[in-house]
Amino acid sequence: MMAMTFSHNFRRVTGTGSGEGAGWRSVRRVGLMACGAAILALGAAGGYRLVAQVEGDRGIAPLANSEDIQVNGIKVDVTAKTGADARLEGWKQAEKEAWKKLGGPDMPVEAIDAMVSSVVIGQEQVGPRRYIATLGVIFSKARAGQYVGAGGATIRSAPMLVLPVLYSGGVQQVFEVRGPWQRAWAEFQASQSPIDYVRPVGAGGESLILTAGQASRRSRLWWRNVLNQFDAASVLVPYARLERQWPGGPIHGTFTARYGPDNTFLGTFEMDAASEQELAGMLDKAVQRMDGLYRDALASGELRTDPTLTTSGQVLDRAFAELRTKLMPKGGAPIEALPPQVVTPTAAPSLAPTAPVETVPVQFPSPDAAAVDAALAAVRGVPGVRGAATVSLAVGGTSVMRVTVEGGSERLAGALRGQGWKVTSGGGALRITR
């Protein structure tokens, strides 16, 4: 509220005697102008607040799922004549230990190194003659699959939207800031899991839609709108509650796995980290255990999509009618069935048959998170698109989204060309560039 006062001296200046009425009109005019200026200032401040809600560094791009075999958390401590030699020797030692963890047959280090596609550096310290690091090793499935990682057919889940909720310091957060729980899920390599995780980046408008309060919503219509934006069938809500004993001291974590629009409970466990430096490692292990809970629920048939998210409106109306009947007082008068509505057939213009719905992979360059948001917004704005979500995200490279569209790739390509995109097709996929 803004209070405005005018002194008696101001009244005397504006008019005296017979001109007092004109003076009061001048005062009122000045007051109205001041009030208008105040309203404009408040409107500008409100607009700034709306923009500020999506500004800042938000979003962590998840790792693209790979079919390669990855082993993490290998610690090495090697000495050599130089730091470079110690680092190279440490990598070879990590490859050998990773191969041993996978249960591979005995092989020379050179043969193991030929099957390695990359080495992931978690932490490293390089000295003049010493190398200390925590590494991860990724083996090429095409080369190492014949020795390790071979498995039969497994059941895959429907696409599941991941909503990682972190409770720390009395505040719940998801994508409002770049939190450690979101980072742990973004860096999780989910290729070996039967759960089809759909992990949002959390940048732009996603941080306004996917909040901690979203998990408590029960509206199926709302959930349908959210899930359709990410081309997902249901939602997984992994909770992490962190309690710090004192600043920089031990951290106690309580982790709970929930799923579905009703926030159904699956399981819980607890873990501890000795200090802030060990928090990231504890969260990485917690994500793996959380994945184990979801795996077990999928195998037992407990983790499944909610039929109310995919059924038609008629089925929902019938379910609501049954619910009203159950909730009616026993002594109350029954609700009479409505007479069937008779529709008089009238001449109507012939409608074109509904175009077939197809799923089209679309490749697009993604130098940064803003480019990903722009590409998704452009595709989702095409008429006939029912859903679009990234399935492989590579910031600084080429990402892939999966688009469900009526009319197939030709209709989608034509609409994107109309927006100014350069579209090329090949191999059943589209590639778009500016």
Protein backbone atom coordinates (compact mmCIF):
# COMPACT_ATOMS: atom_id res chain seq x y z
CA MET A 1 0.00 0.00 0.00
CA MET A 2 1.16 3.54 -0.81
CA ALA A 3 -0.06 6.53 1.23
CA MET A 4 0.00 10.05 -0.28
CA THR A 5 -0.62 13.31 1.70
CA PHE A 6 -0.83 16.93 0.65
CA SER A 7 -0.11 19.79 3.04
CA HIS A 8 -2.25 22.92 3.52
CA ASN A 9 0.54 25.01 2.06
CA PHE A 10 0.21 23.13 -1.20
CA ARG A 11 -3.49 24.00 -1.20
CA ARG A 12 -2.77 27.71 -0.73
CA VAL A 13 -0.28 27.77 -3.60
CA THR A 14 -2.62 26.11 -6.06
CA GLY A 15 -5.50 28.48 -5.57
CA THR A 16 -6.96 31.21 -3.36
CA GLY A 17 -10.25 33.02 -3.16
CA SER A 18 -12.45 32.49 -6.19
CA GLY A 19 -9.84 30.27 -7.89
CA GLU A 20 -9.87 27.71 -5.07
CA GLY A 21 -12.03 25.27 -7.10
CA ALA A 22 -9.59 25.31 -9.98
CA GLY A 23 -6.75 24.76 -7.50
CA TRP A 24 -8.41 21.66 -6.08
CA ARG A 25 -8.85 20.32 -9.61
CA SER A 26 -5.14 20.83 -10.15
CA VAL A 27 -4.36 18.97 -6.92
CA ARG A 28 -6.56 16.06 -7.96
CA ARG A 29 -4.91 15.96 -11.38
CA VAL A 30 -1.46 15.81 -9.82
CA GLY A 31 -2.63 13.08 -7.45
CA LEU A 32 -4.03 10.98 -10.27
CA MET A 33 -0.79 11.34 -12.22
CA ALA A 34 1.21 10.25 -9.17
CA CYS A 35 -1.06 7.24 -8.60
CA GLY A 36 -0.75 6.26 -12.27
CA ALA A 37 3.03 6.45 -12.05
CA ALA A 38 2.96 4.27 -8.93
CA ILE A 39 0.77 1.66 -10.66
CA LEU A 40 3.10 1.57 -13.67
CA ALA A 41 6.09 1.10 -11.35
CA LEU A 42 4.37 -1.77 -9.55
CA GLY A 43 3.46 -3.38 -12.88
CA ALA A 44 7.05 -3.13 -14.05
CA ALA A 45 8.26 -4.66 -10.78
CA GLY A 46 5.72 -7.49 -11.13
CA GLY A 47 6.88 -8.20 -14.67
CA TYR A 48 10.46 -8.29 -13.46
CA ARG A 49 9.50 -10.82 -10.80
CA LEU A 50 7.89 -13.05 -13.45
CA VAL A 51 11.06 -12.94 -15.55
CA ALA A 52 13.23 -13.52 -12.48
CA GLN A 53 11.41 -16.78 -11.74
CA VAL A 54 13.07 -18.45 -14.74
CA GLU A 55 16.36 -16.53 -14.79
CA GLY A 56 19.68 -17.74 -13.49
CA ASP A 57 21.68 -20.92 -13.82
CA ARG A 58 19.20 -23.78 -13.77
CA GLY A 59 19.13 -27.24 -15.23
CA ILE A 60 21.63 -30.08 -15.44
CA ALA A 61 21.67 -31.97 -18.71
CA PRO A 62 21.42 -35.74 -18.01
CA LEU A 63 23.93 -38.12 -19.48
CA ALA A 64 22.85 -39.70 -22.74
CA ASN A 65 22.00 -43.36 -22.19
CA SER A 66 24.59 -45.64 -23.73
CA GLU A 67 24.54 -49.38 -24.26
CA ASP A 68 28.20 -49.55 -23.26
CA ILE A 69 29.24 -51.18 -19.98
CA GLN A 70 30.35 -48.75 -17.27
CA VAL A 71 32.09 -49.36 -13.93
CA ASN A 72 32.45 -46.43 -11.51
CA GLY A 73 34.14 -45.71 -8.20
CA ILE A 74 37.60 -47.19 -8.86
CA LYS A 75 40.29 -45.62 -6.67
CA VAL A 76 43.94 -45.63 -7.76
CA ASP A 77 47.15 -44.41 -6.11
CA VAL A 78 50.19 -44.82 -8.38
CA THR A 79 53.77 -43.50 -8.35
CA ALA A 80 56.13 -43.29 -11.34
CA LYS A 81 59.06 -41.27 -12.69
CA THR A 82 56.79 -38.42 -13.80
CA GLY A 83 53.23 -37.32 -13.15
CA ALA A 84 52.21 -38.16 -16.74
CA ASP A 85 53.60 -41.68 -16.45
CA ALA A 86 51.83 -42.15 -13.11
CA ARG A 87 48.56 -41.00 -14.64
CA LEU A 88 48.85 -43.42 -17.56
CA GLU A 89 49.73 -46.27 -15.24
CA GLY A 90 46.80 -45.36 -12.99
CA TRP A 91 44.39 -45.55 -15.92
CA LYS A 92 45.66 -48.99 -16.88
CA GLN A 93 45.31 -50.16 -13.29
CA ALA A 94 41.74 -48.83 -13.20
CA GLU A 95 40.90 -50.67 -16.43
CA LYS A 96 42.25 -53.91 -15.00
CA GLU A 97 40.29 -53.53 -11.75
CA ALA A 98 37.10 -52.63 -13.64
CA TRP A 99 37.46 -55.72 -15.81
CA LYS A 100 37.91 -57.81 -12.67
CA LYS A 101 34.74 -56.30 -11.13
CA LEU A 102 32.79 -57.30 -14.22
CA GLY A 103 33.97 -60.89 -13.84
CA GLY A 104 35.79 -60.96 -17.14
CA PRO A 105 38.33 -63.69 -18.02
CA ASP A 106 42.04 -63.19 -17.42
CA MET A 107 43.54 -61.09 -20.22
CA PRO A 108 46.64 -58.98 -20.73
CA VAL A 109 46.30 -55.28 -19.99
CA GLU A 110 46.73 -54.47 -23.69
CA ALA A 111 43.72 -56.60 -24.63
CA ILE A 112 41.59 -55.00 -21.92
CA ASP A 113 42.67 -51.52 -23.02
CA ALA A 114 41.54 -52.28 -26.58
CA MET A 115 37.97 -52.82 -25.32
CA VAL A 116 37.86 -49.54 -23.34
CA SER A 117 35.96 -46.75 -25.05
CA SER A 118 36.61 -44.04 -22.43
CA VAL A 119 37.80 -43.31 -18.90
CA VAL A 120 35.64 -41.09 -16.69
CA ILE A 121 37.54 -38.91 -14.21
CA GLY A 122 35.61 -38.35 -11.00
CA GLN A 123 38.41 -36.78 -8.94
CA GLU A 124 42.14 -36.68 -9.56
CA GLN A 125 45.33 -35.23 -8.07
CA VAL A 126 48.48 -35.18 -10.18
CA GLY A 127 51.85 -34.63 -8.51
CA PRO A 128 55.42 -34.65 -9.85
CA ARG A 129 55.62 -38.43 -9.41
CA ARG A 130 52.26 -39.49 -7.99
CA TYR A 131 48.71 -39.86 -9.25
CA ILE A 132 45.63 -40.25 -6.98
CA ALA A 133 42.19 -40.44 -8.55
CA THR A 134 38.71 -41.89 -8.51
CA LEU A 135 37.91 -43.15 -12.00
CA GLY A 136 35.20 -44.83 -14.03
CA VAL A 137 35.81 -47.10 -17.00
CA ILE A 138 33.44 -47.57 -19.93
CA PHE A 139 33.86 -50.70 -22.06
CA SER A 140 32.52 -50.94 -25.59
CA LYS A 141 29.61 -53.38 -25.61
CA ALA A 142 30.42 -54.46 -29.16
CA ARG A 143 33.87 -55.64 -28.05
CA ALA A 144 33.37 -56.64 -24.42
CA GLY A 145 29.79 -57.92 -24.66
CA GLN A 146 30.93 -61.39 -25.66
CA TYR A 147 32.83 -61.75 -22.38
CA VAL A 148 30.73 -59.81 -19.86
CA GLY A 149 27.32 -58.19 -19.62
CA ALA A 150 25.49 -60.75 -21.73
CA GLY A 151 21.95 -61.24 -20.58
CA GLY A 152 18.62 -62.48 -21.82
CA ALA A 153 15.56 -60.49 -22.62
CA THR A 154 14.34 -58.28 -19.79
CA ILE A 155 11.07 -56.51 -19.13
CA ARG A 156 11.24 -52.78 -19.88
CA SER A 157 9.03 -50.28 -18.13
CA ALA A 158 6.97 -47.58 -19.79
CA PRO A 159 8.64 -44.14 -19.99
CA MET A 160 8.75 -42.75 -16.44
CA LEU A 161 9.22 -39.06 -15.67
CA VAL A 162 11.73 -38.55 -12.81
CA LEU A 163 10.93 -35.85 -10.23
CA PRO A 164 13.86 -35.84 -7.74
CA VAL A 165 12.75 -34.00 -4.58
CA LEU A 166 15.43 -32.85 -2.14
CA TYR A 167 14.55 -31.78 1.42
CA SER A 168 17.45 -29.98 3.06
CA GLY A 169 17.65 -27.10 5.51
CA GLY A 170 13.86 -26.99 5.89
CA VAL A 171 13.31 -26.34 2.17
CA GLN A 172 12.04 -28.63 -0.58
CA GLN A 173 13.48 -28.20 -4.05
CA VAL A 174 13.54 -29.93 -7.42
CA PHE A 175 14.87 -27.77 -10.27
CA GLU A 176 14.76 -24.32 -8.63
CA VAL A 177 18.56 -24.47 -8.20
CA ARG A 178 21.22 -26.91 -9.28
CA GLY A 179 21.04 -29.27 -6.34
CA PRO A 180 23.21 -32.32 -5.54
CA TRP A 181 20.25 -34.74 -5.73
CA GLN A 182 19.34 -33.53 -9.22
CA ARG A 183 22.99 -33.81 -10.28
CA ALA A 184 23.23 -37.38 -8.99
CA TRP A 185 20.22 -38.40 -11.10
CA ALA A 186 21.51 -36.51 -14.14
CA GLU A 187 24.87 -38.31 -13.97
CA PHE A 188 23.33 -41.74 -13.43
CA GLN A 189 24.02 -44.10 -16.33
CA ALA A 190 20.65 -45.77 -16.80
CA SER A 191 21.37 -47.86 -19.89
CA GLN A 192 21.65 -51.08 -17.88
CA SER A 193 18.40 -50.47 -15.99
CA PRO A 194 15.05 -51.88 -17.15
CA ILE A 195 13.43 -48.62 -16.04
CA ASP A 196 12.93 -46.16 -18.89
CA TYR A 197 13.85 -42.95 -17.07
CA VAL A 198 12.76 -39.64 -18.61
CA ARG A 199 15.03 -37.09 -16.88
CA PRO A 200 14.17 -33.42 -17.50
CA VAL A 201 16.94 -30.87 -17.79
CA GLY A 202 15.10 -28.52 -15.42
CA ALA A 203 15.94 -25.32 -17.31
CA GLY A 204 13.55 -22.62 -18.47
CA GLY A 205 9.87 -23.23 -17.86
CA GLU A 206 10.44 -26.80 -16.66
CA SER A 207 11.49 -25.44 -13.26
CA LEU A 208 8.09 -23.75 -12.91
CA ILE A 209 6.05 -26.83 -13.84
CA LEU A 210 8.04 -29.55 -12.06
CA THR A 211 8.13 -28.51 -8.42
CA ALA A 212 8.01 -30.31 -5.09
CA GLY A 213 4.34 -29.42 -4.77
CA GLN A 214 3.58 -31.21 -8.05
CA ALA A 215 4.12 -34.58 -6.35
CA SER A 216 1.17 -33.92 -4.02
CA ARG A 217 -1.28 -33.15 -6.84
CA ARG A 218 -3.94 -35.76 -7.57
CA SER A 219 -5.64 -34.22 -10.60
CA ARG A 220 -5.40 -36.66 -13.51
CA LEU A 221 -6.03 -33.88 -16.01
CA TRP A 222 -3.09 -31.91 -14.66
CA TRP A 223 -0.82 -34.96 -14.68
CA ARG A 224 -1.85 -35.80 -18.23
CA ASN A 225 -0.80 -32.35 -19.40
CA VAL A 226 2.55 -32.60 -17.62
CA LEU A 227 3.34 -36.14 -18.77
CA ASN A 228 2.35 -35.41 -22.38
CA GLN A 229 4.94 -32.62 -22.50
CA PHE A 230 7.67 -35.16 -21.75
CA ASP A 231 6.12 -38.11 -23.63
CA ALA A 232 5.99 -40.14 -20.39
CA ALA A 233 3.39 -42.61 -19.14
CA SER A 234 3.81 -42.12 -15.38
CA VAL A 235 6.05 -40.44 -12.79
CA LEU A 236 8.71 -41.56 -10.32
CA VAL A 237 9.33 -39.39 -7.24
CA PRO A 238 12.58 -40.23 -5.42
CA TYR A 239 12.81 -38.24 -2.16
CA ALA A 240 16.07 -37.38 -0.39
CA ARG A 241 16.07 -35.81 3.10
CA LEU A 242 19.50 -34.56 4.24
CA GLU A 243 20.16 -33.72 7.91
CA ARG A 244 23.50 -32.10 8.75
CA GLN A 245 24.72 -32.58 12.30
CA TRP A 246 26.74 -29.34 12.10
CA PRO A 247 28.25 -27.28 9.25
CA GLY A 248 30.88 -29.37 7.54
CA GLY A 249 30.14 -32.38 9.73
CA PRO A 250 28.39 -35.72 9.19
CA ILE A 251 25.30 -35.87 6.98
CA HIS A 252 22.45 -38.31 7.52
CA GLY A 253 20.29 -39.10 4.50
CA THR A 254 16.85 -40.70 4.37
CA PHE A 255 15.74 -41.81 0.90
CA THR A 256 12.22 -42.78 -0.10
CA ALA A 257 11.00 -44.19 -3.41
CA ARG A 258 7.50 -43.21 -4.54
CA TYR A 259 5.70 -43.32 -7.85
CA GLY A 260 2.48 -42.46 -9.67
CA PRO A 261 0.02 -39.57 -9.42
CA ASP A 262 -1.06 -40.80 -5.97
CA ASN A 263 2.54 -40.68 -4.67
CA THR A 264 2.45 -44.40 -3.80
CA PHE A 265 5.12 -45.59 -1.36
CA LEU A 266 7.59 -48.27 -2.53
CA GLY A 267 10.46 -48.37 -0.04
CA THR A 268 12.95 -46.40 2.04
CA PHE A 269 16.53 -46.65 3.30
CA GLU A 270 19.12 -44.54 5.14
CA MET A 271 22.76 -43.67 4.44
CA ASP A 272 25.45 -41.52 6.06
CA ALA A 273 28.31 -39.36 4.81
CA ALA A 274 31.17 -38.39 7.11
CA SER A 275 31.57 -34.89 5.62
CA GLU A 276 30.43 -32.56 2.84
CA GLN A 277 33.18 -33.92 0.58
CA GLU A 278 31.62 -37.40 0.73
CA LEU A 279 28.07 -36.20 0.01
CA ALA A 280 28.31 -36.63 -3.78
CA GLY A 281 29.51 -40.22 -3.42
CA MET A 282 26.70 -41.03 -0.98
CA LEU A 283 24.07 -39.60 -3.34
CA ASP A 284 25.47 -41.58 -6.28
CA LYS A 285 25.14 -44.78 -4.27
CA ALA A 286 21.66 -43.73 -3.16
CA VAL A 287 20.56 -43.35 -6.79
CA GLN A 288 21.79 -46.88 -7.52
CA ARG A 289 19.89 -48.27 -4.54
CA MET A 290 16.82 -46.28 -5.56
CA ASP A 291 17.08 -47.81 -9.03
CA GLY A 292 17.18 -51.22 -7.34
CA LEU A 293 13.90 -50.48 -5.54
CA TYR A 294 12.25 -49.51 -8.80
CA ARG A 295 13.68 -52.61 -10.52
CA ASP A 296 12.26 -54.89 -7.84
CA ALA A 297 8.88 -53.17 -8.04
CA LEU A 298 8.82 -53.60 -11.81
CA ALA A 299 9.74 -57.30 -11.55
CA SER A 300 7.02 -57.92 -8.95
CA GLY A 301 4.39 -56.08 -10.99
CA GLU A 302 3.92 -53.34 -8.40
CA LEU A 303 5.40 -50.59 -10.58
CA ARG A 304 2.89 -50.03 -13.35
CA THR A 305 1.19 -47.12 -15.06
CA ASP A 306 -2.01 -45.73 -13.59
CA PRO A 307 -4.92 -46.60 -15.92
CA THR A 308 -6.62 -43.27 -15.12
CA LEU A 309 -3.78 -41.50 -16.91
CA THR A 310 -4.39 -43.28 -20.21
CA THR A 311 -8.10 -44.13 -20.26
CA SER A 312 -10.69 -42.15 -22.16
CA GLY A 313 -13.07 -39.59 -20.69
CA GLN A 314 -16.02 -42.02 -20.78
CA VAL A 315 -14.20 -44.48 -18.53
CA LEU A 316 -13.42 -41.69 -16.07
CA ASP A 317 -17.04 -40.53 -16.06
CA ARG A 318 -18.18 -44.07 -15.28
CA ALA A 319 -15.65 -44.33 -12.44
CA PHE A 320 -16.76 -41.01 -10.98
CA ALA A 321 -20.41 -42.14 -11.15
CA GLU A 322 -19.55 -45.28 -9.19
CA LEU A 323 -17.67 -43.20 -6.64
CA ARG A 324 -20.65 -40.87 -6.16
CA THR A 325 -22.90 -43.90 -5.61
CA LYS A 326 -20.57 -45.25 -2.90
CA LEU A 327 -20.32 -41.89 -1.14
CA MET A 328 -24.09 -41.25 -1.06
CA PRO A 329 -25.77 -41.52 2.36
CA LYS A 330 -27.53 -44.85 2.73
CA GLY A 331 -30.81 -43.18 3.67
CA GLY A 332 -30.61 -40.68 0.84
CA ALA A 333 -32.73 -40.82 -2.23
CA PRO A 334 -31.00 -42.45 -5.18
CA ILE A 335 -29.99 -40.30 -8.07
CA GLU A 336 -32.25 -40.98 -11.00
CA ALA A 337 -30.52 -41.97 -14.16
CA LEU A 338 -30.52 -39.26 -16.73
CA PRO A 339 -32.57 -40.03 -19.83
CA PRO A 340 -30.46 -40.88 -22.81
CA GLN A 341 -29.85 -37.93 -25.04
CA VAL A 342 -31.38 -38.34 -28.46
CA VAL A 343 -29.34 -36.79 -31.19
CA THR A 344 -31.17 -35.97 -34.36
CA PRO A 345 -29.03 -36.83 -37.34
CA THR A 346 -28.27 -33.80 -39.41
CA ALA A 347 -26.39 -33.32 -42.55
CA ALA A 348 -22.78 -32.60 -41.72
CA PRO A 349 -19.82 -31.92 -43.92
CA SER A 350 -17.68 -34.96 -44.54
CA LEU A 351 -14.61 -35.00 -42.33
CA ALA A 352 -11.24 -36.13 -43.51
CA PRO A 353 -10.04 -39.38 -41.91
CA THR A 354 -7.79 -38.92 -38.89
CA ALA A 355 -4.13 -38.94 -39.86
CA PRO A 356 -2.12 -41.86 -38.47
CA VAL A 357 -0.03 -41.19 -35.39
CA GLU A 358 3.68 -41.91 -35.75
CA THR A 359 6.74 -41.62 -33.52
CA VAL A 360 9.55 -39.76 -35.27
CA PRO A 361 13.11 -39.33 -33.94
CA VAL A 362 14.40 -35.78 -34.49
CA GLN A 363 18.09 -34.84 -34.26
CA PHE A 364 19.05 -31.24 -33.48
CA PRO A 365 22.23 -29.36 -32.50
CA SER A 366 22.36 -28.47 -28.79
CA PRO A 367 25.25 -26.10 -28.00
CA ASP A 368 23.60 -25.13 -24.71
CA ALA A 369 20.44 -25.62 -22.64
CA ALA A 370 18.72 -22.67 -24.32
CA ALA A 371 19.07 -24.37 -27.72
CA VAL A 372 17.42 -27.50 -26.30
CA ASP A 373 14.49 -25.48 -24.93
CA ALA A 374 14.12 -23.63 -28.26
CA ALA A 375 14.05 -26.86 -30.30
CA LEU A 376 11.54 -28.52 -27.95
CA ALA A 377 9.31 -25.44 -27.98
CA ALA A 378 9.36 -25.28 -31.78
CA VAL A 379 8.45 -28.94 -32.19
CA ARG A 380 5.76 -28.90 -29.48
CA GLY A 381 4.20 -25.88 -31.18
CA VAL A 382 3.53 -27.79 -34.41
CA PRO A 383 -0.17 -28.65 -34.83
CA GLY A 384 -0.74 -32.38 -34.46
CA VAL A 385 2.22 -33.00 -32.14
CA ARG A 386 1.02 -35.01 -29.14
CA GLY A 387 4.31 -35.18 -27.30
CA ALA A 388 8.02 -34.41 -27.63
CA ALA A 389 10.80 -35.33 -25.21
CA THR A 390 14.56 -35.70 -25.40
CA VAL A 391 15.82 -39.28 -25.35
CA SER A 392 19.51 -38.47 -25.86
CA LEU A 393 20.89 -35.14 -24.68
CA ALA A 394 24.44 -34.05 -25.56
CA VAL A 395 25.16 -30.45 -24.64
CA GLY A 396 27.77 -29.19 -27.10
CA GLY A 397 26.85 -31.85 -29.68
CA THR A 398 23.78 -33.34 -31.31
CA SER A 399 20.76 -34.37 -29.23
CA VAL A 400 17.78 -36.53 -30.14
CA MET A 401 14.13 -36.06 -29.25
CA ARG A 402 11.24 -38.47 -29.72
CA VAL A 403 8.15 -36.85 -31.26
CA THR A 404 4.65 -38.34 -31.43
CA VAL A 405 2.84 -36.58 -34.28
CA GLU A 406 -0.25 -37.03 -36.42
CA GLY A 407 0.57 -37.32 -40.10
CA GLY A 408 4.09 -38.63 -39.72
CA SER A 409 7.47 -37.11 -40.49
CA GLU A 410 6.45 -35.37 -43.72
CA ARG A 411 3.85 -33.24 -41.99
CA LEU A 412 6.25 -32.45 -39.15
CA ALA A 413 9.04 -31.53 -41.57
CA GLY A 414 6.76 -29.21 -43.55
CA ALA A 415 5.59 -27.39 -40.42
CA LEU A 416 9.17 -26.94 -39.16
CA ARG A 417 10.29 -25.57 -42.53
CA GLY A 418 7.48 -23.04 -42.21
CA GLN A 419 9.06 -21.92 -38.89
CA GLY A 420 12.41 -21.31 -40.59
CA TRP A 421 14.17 -24.58 -39.73
CA LYS A 422 16.33 -26.43 -42.23
CA VAL A 423 15.05 -30.01 -42.27
CA THR A 424 16.73 -33.07 -43.75
CA SER A 425 15.45 -36.63 -43.56
CA GLY A 426 17.06 -40.01 -43.77
CA GLY A 427 16.91 -43.41 -42.13
CA GLY A 428 13.46 -42.76 -40.73
CA ALA A 429 14.64 -39.71 -38.74
CA LEU A 430 14.68 -35.94 -39.18
CA ARG A 431 17.55 -33.55 -38.61
CA ILE A 432 16.76 -29.88 -37.98
CA THR A 433 19.10 -26.90 -37.90
CA ARG A 434 18.76 -23.14 -37.97
